[in-house]
Amino acid sequence: MLDDNRDLNRDLGRRDAYLDDAAVRDGSGYGPVIALVAIALVVGGLFMFSPSDRTQTAANNPAVERSAPAPTPAPVTPAPPVTAPKQ
């Protein structure tokens, strides 16, 4: 067996693969850096595209108060008198 640690004929200068894992020794590489850059881009995008004071929004304002009196309806002219038909 090539990876048997009990083998007396093994290379003594060889490191144990289970005790000296390169991924554990070197850290996790660029993963945390990429995660921080992605978080910074998302937060920056939220700030960039967030609503500001220049945007127009709908508002439920009360009715406009008038300073002049309301217009009065036009007077109704009376109908002409009805006459009986002549025979």
N, C-alpha and C. Protein backbone atom coordinates (compact mmCIF):
# COMPACT_ATOMS: atom_id res chain seq x y z
N MET A 1 0.83 -1.18 0.00
CA MET A 1 0.00 0.00 0.00
C MET A 1 0.88 1.25 0.00
N LEU A 2 0.50 2.22 -0.80
CA LEU A 2 1.35 3.39 -0.94
C LEU A 2 1.17 4.38 0.20
N ASP A 3 -0.02 4.53 0.74
CA ASP A 3 -0.26 5.52 1.79
C ASP A 3 -0.31 4.90 3.18
N ASP A 4 0.19 3.73 3.35
CA ASP A 4 0.14 3.06 4.66
C ASP A 4 1.24 3.63 5.55
N ASN A 5 0.85 4.28 6.66
CA ASN A 5 1.82 4.87 7.58
C ASN A 5 2.56 3.81 8.40
N ARG A 6 2.06 2.60 8.43
CA ARG A 6 2.70 1.53 9.18
C ARG A 6 3.81 0.86 8.38
N ASP A 7 3.94 1.21 7.12
CA ASP A 7 4.95 0.60 6.26
C ASP A 7 6.34 1.11 6.66
N LEU A 8 7.24 0.21 7.00
CA LEU A 8 8.57 0.60 7.42
C LEU A 8 9.42 1.09 6.26
N ASN A 9 9.08 0.76 5.05
CA ASN A 9 9.87 1.13 3.89
C ASN A 9 9.38 2.44 3.23
N ARG A 10 8.54 3.15 3.90
CA ARG A 10 8.01 4.37 3.31
C ARG A 10 9.07 5.46 3.33
N ASP A 11 8.85 6.50 2.55
CA ASP A 11 9.76 7.63 2.51
C ASP A 11 9.60 8.42 3.80
N LEU A 12 10.64 8.55 4.59
CA LEU A 12 10.52 9.21 5.89
C LEU A 12 10.45 10.73 5.75
N GLY A 13 10.88 11.27 4.62
CA GLY A 13 10.79 12.71 4.41
C GLY A 13 9.41 13.16 3.94
N ARG A 14 8.56 12.19 3.68
CA ARG A 14 7.21 12.50 3.20
C ARG A 14 6.35 12.99 4.35
N ARG A 15 5.54 13.95 4.09
CA ARG A 15 4.62 14.45 5.11
C ARG A 15 3.34 13.64 5.10
N ASP A 16 2.68 13.59 6.23
CA ASP A 16 1.42 12.86 6.33
C ASP A 16 0.32 13.71 5.68
N ALA A 17 -0.38 13.15 4.74
CA ALA A 17 -1.40 13.89 4.01
C ALA A 17 -2.57 14.29 4.90
N TYR A 18 -2.84 13.55 5.94
CA TYR A 18 -3.96 13.86 6.80
C TYR A 18 -3.61 14.91 7.86
N LEU A 19 -2.36 15.00 8.23
CA LEU A 19 -1.96 15.96 9.26
C LEU A 19 -1.54 17.29 8.66
N ASP A 20 -1.09 17.29 7.44
CA ASP A 20 -0.59 18.51 6.82
C ASP A 20 -1.34 18.76 5.52
N ASP A 21 -2.61 19.12 5.63
CA ASP A 21 -3.44 19.37 4.46
C ASP A 21 -3.14 20.77 3.93
N ALA A 22 -2.87 20.88 2.65
CA ALA A 22 -2.51 22.17 2.06
C ALA A 22 -3.63 23.18 2.16
N ALA A 23 -4.88 22.74 2.06
CA ALA A 23 -6.01 23.67 2.14
C ALA A 23 -6.13 24.26 3.54
N VAL A 24 -5.82 23.48 4.56
CA VAL A 24 -5.88 23.97 5.94
C VAL A 24 -4.67 24.84 6.22
N ARG A 25 -3.53 24.47 5.74
CA ARG A 25 -2.29 25.19 6.01
C ARG A 25 -2.31 26.57 5.34
N ASP A 26 -2.77 26.64 4.12
CA ASP A 26 -2.72 27.89 3.38
C ASP A 26 -3.92 28.79 3.63
N GLY A 27 -4.86 28.39 4.39
CA GLY A 27 -6.07 29.16 4.58
C GLY A 27 -7.08 28.81 3.51
N SER A 28 -8.02 29.67 3.28
CA SER A 28 -9.08 29.36 2.32
C SER A 28 -8.91 30.09 1.01
N GLY A 29 -7.76 30.68 0.76
CA GLY A 29 -7.50 31.30 -0.53
C GLY A 29 -8.21 32.63 -0.68
N TYR A 30 -8.76 32.85 -1.87
CA TYR A 30 -9.40 34.12 -2.18
C TYR A 30 -10.89 34.15 -1.83
N GLY A 31 -11.40 33.12 -1.22
CA GLY A 31 -12.82 33.06 -0.90
C GLY A 31 -13.31 34.22 -0.04
N PRO A 32 -12.68 34.50 1.11
CA PRO A 32 -13.14 35.63 1.94
C PRO A 32 -12.99 36.97 1.24
N VAL A 33 -11.95 37.14 0.47
CA VAL A 33 -11.76 38.40 -0.25
C VAL A 33 -12.86 38.60 -1.28
N ILE A 34 -13.18 37.56 -2.02
CA ILE A 34 -14.25 37.64 -3.02
C ILE A 34 -15.59 37.89 -2.34
N ALA A 35 -15.83 37.26 -1.18
CA ALA A 35 -17.08 37.48 -0.46
C ALA A 35 -17.19 38.93 0.01
N LEU A 36 -16.11 39.50 0.51
CA LEU A 36 -16.15 40.90 0.96
C LEU A 36 -16.37 41.86 -0.21
N VAL A 37 -15.76 41.58 -1.33
CA VAL A 37 -15.97 42.43 -2.51
C VAL A 37 -17.41 42.33 -2.98
N ALA A 38 -17.99 41.13 -2.96
CA ALA A 38 -19.38 40.96 -3.37
C ALA A 38 -20.32 41.71 -2.42
N ILE A 39 -20.05 41.64 -1.13
CA ILE A 39 -20.88 42.36 -0.15
C ILE A 39 -20.75 43.86 -0.36
N ALA A 40 -19.54 44.34 -0.61
CA ALA A 40 -19.35 45.77 -0.85
C ALA A 40 -20.08 46.23 -2.10
N LEU A 41 -20.08 45.41 -3.15
CA LEU A 41 -20.80 45.77 -4.37
C LEU A 41 -22.31 45.82 -4.15
N VAL A 42 -22.83 44.87 -3.39
CA VAL A 42 -24.28 44.85 -3.14
C VAL A 42 -24.68 46.06 -2.31
N VAL A 43 -23.94 46.34 -1.25
CA VAL A 43 -24.28 47.48 -0.39
C VAL A 43 -24.12 48.79 -1.17
N GLY A 44 -23.07 48.90 -1.97
CA GLY A 44 -22.89 50.10 -2.78
C GLY A 44 -24.01 50.28 -3.79
N GLY A 45 -24.46 49.18 -4.39
CA GLY A 45 -25.58 49.26 -5.33
C GLY A 45 -26.86 49.68 -4.64
N LEU A 46 -27.06 49.21 -3.41
CA LEU A 46 -28.25 49.64 -2.67
C LEU A 46 -28.22 51.13 -2.38
N PHE A 47 -27.06 51.65 -2.01
CA PHE A 47 -26.95 53.08 -1.78
C PHE A 47 -27.11 53.87 -3.07
N MET A 48 -26.56 53.36 -4.15
CA MET A 48 -26.61 54.09 -5.42
C MET A 48 -28.03 54.17 -5.97
N PHE A 49 -28.78 53.11 -5.87
CA PHE A 49 -30.12 53.07 -6.46
C PHE A 49 -31.23 53.29 -5.43
N SER A 50 -30.89 53.74 -4.24
CA SER A 50 -31.93 54.01 -3.24
C SER A 50 -32.63 55.32 -3.57
N PRO A 51 -33.85 55.49 -3.12
CA PRO A 51 -34.57 56.74 -3.39
C PRO A 51 -33.88 57.92 -2.70
N SER A 52 -33.87 59.06 -3.36
CA SER A 52 -33.28 60.26 -2.77
C SER A 52 -34.35 61.35 -2.71
N ASP A 53 -33.95 62.54 -2.35
CA ASP A 53 -34.91 63.64 -2.20
C ASP A 53 -35.43 64.12 -3.54
N ARG A 54 -34.76 63.79 -4.62
CA ARG A 54 -35.18 64.28 -5.94
C ARG A 54 -36.31 63.46 -6.54
N THR A 55 -36.65 62.35 -5.95
CA THR A 55 -37.69 61.51 -6.54
C THR A 55 -39.07 62.04 -6.19
N GLN A 56 -40.03 61.79 -7.06
CA GLN A 56 -41.40 62.22 -6.83
C GLN A 56 -42.22 61.03 -6.40
N THR A 57 -42.95 61.20 -5.33
CA THR A 57 -43.81 60.13 -4.85
C THR A 57 -45.24 60.63 -4.76
N ALA A 58 -46.15 59.73 -4.82
CA ALA A 58 -47.56 60.09 -4.71
C ALA A 58 -47.87 60.46 -3.26
N ALA A 59 -48.73 61.45 -3.09
CA ALA A 59 -49.11 61.88 -1.75
C ALA A 59 -50.62 62.04 -1.69
N ASN A 60 -51.16 61.78 -0.55
CA ASN A 60 -52.59 61.94 -0.33
C ASN A 60 -52.81 63.29 0.33
N ASN A 61 -52.85 64.35 -0.48
CA ASN A 61 -53.02 65.70 0.05
C ASN A 61 -54.51 66.01 0.18
N PRO A 62 -54.87 66.84 1.15
CA PRO A 62 -56.28 67.22 1.27
C PRO A 62 -56.69 68.11 0.09
N ALA A 63 -57.99 68.32 -0.05
CA ALA A 63 -58.51 69.12 -1.16
C ALA A 63 -57.96 70.54 -1.06
N VAL A 64 -57.87 71.20 -2.20
CA VAL A 64 -57.34 72.56 -2.25
C VAL A 64 -58.35 73.51 -1.63
N GLU A 65 -57.87 74.36 -0.75
CA GLU A 65 -58.76 75.35 -0.14
C GLU A 65 -58.85 76.55 -1.07
N ARG A 66 -60.09 77.02 -1.31
CA ARG A 66 -60.30 78.15 -2.22
C ARG A 66 -60.49 79.42 -1.41
N SER A 67 -59.90 80.48 -1.92
CA SER A 67 -60.07 81.76 -1.23
C SER A 67 -61.30 82.49 -1.76
N ALA A 68 -61.72 82.20 -2.98
CA ALA A 68 -62.91 82.83 -3.55
C ALA A 68 -64.12 81.95 -3.24
N PRO A 69 -65.30 82.57 -3.18
CA PRO A 69 -66.50 81.75 -2.92
C PRO A 69 -66.76 80.82 -4.11
N ALA A 70 -67.43 79.77 -3.82
CA ALA A 70 -67.76 78.80 -4.87
C ALA A 70 -68.71 79.44 -5.87
N PRO A 71 -68.60 79.10 -7.16
CA PRO A 71 -69.50 79.71 -8.15
C PRO A 71 -70.94 79.24 -7.92
N THR A 72 -71.85 80.18 -8.13
CA THR A 72 -73.27 79.84 -7.97
C THR A 72 -73.81 79.34 -9.30
N PRO A 73 -74.79 78.49 -9.27
CA PRO A 73 -75.35 77.99 -10.53
C PRO A 73 -76.09 79.12 -11.26
N ALA A 74 -76.13 79.01 -12.57
CA ALA A 74 -76.81 80.03 -13.39
C ALA A 74 -78.31 79.98 -13.11
N PRO A 75 -78.99 81.15 -13.12
CA PRO A 75 -80.44 81.13 -12.86
C PRO A 75 -81.17 80.42 -13.99
N VAL A 76 -82.18 79.69 -13.58
CA VAL A 76 -82.97 78.94 -14.55
C VAL A 76 -84.08 79.85 -15.09
N THR A 77 -84.19 79.94 -16.40
CA THR A 77 -85.25 80.77 -17.00
C THR A 77 -86.55 79.98 -16.94
N PRO A 78 -87.64 80.66 -16.59
CA PRO A 78 -88.91 79.93 -16.51
C PRO A 78 -89.38 79.50 -17.89
N ALA A 79 -90.07 78.41 -17.91
CA ALA A 79 -90.61 77.90 -19.17
C ALA A 79 -91.75 78.82 -19.65
N PRO A 80 -91.95 78.91 -20.97
CA PRO A 80 -93.05 79.77 -21.45
C PRO A 80 -94.41 79.20 -21.01
N PRO A 81 -95.38 80.04 -20.83
CA PRO A 81 -96.67 79.54 -20.39
C PRO A 81 -97.30 78.61 -21.45
N VAL A 82 -97.95 77.63 -20.96
CA VAL A 82 -98.59 76.67 -21.86
C VAL A 82 -99.99 77.20 -22.22
N THR A 83 -100.26 77.21 -23.51
CA THR A 83 -101.58 77.64 -23.97
C THR A 83 -102.31 76.45 -24.56
N ALA A 84 -103.56 76.51 -24.45
CA ALA A 84 -104.39 75.42 -25.00
C ALA A 84 -104.40 75.54 -26.52
N PRO A 85 -104.46 74.43 -27.22
CA PRO A 85 -104.51 74.51 -28.69
C PRO A 85 -105.85 75.15 -29.16
N LYS A 86 -105.79 75.88 -30.26
CA LYS A 86 -106.97 76.54 -30.79
C LYS A 86 -107.64 75.62 -31.83
N GLN A 87 -108.98 75.68 -31.81
CA GLN A 87 -109.71 74.83 -32.73
C GLN A 87 -110.41 75.57 -33.79
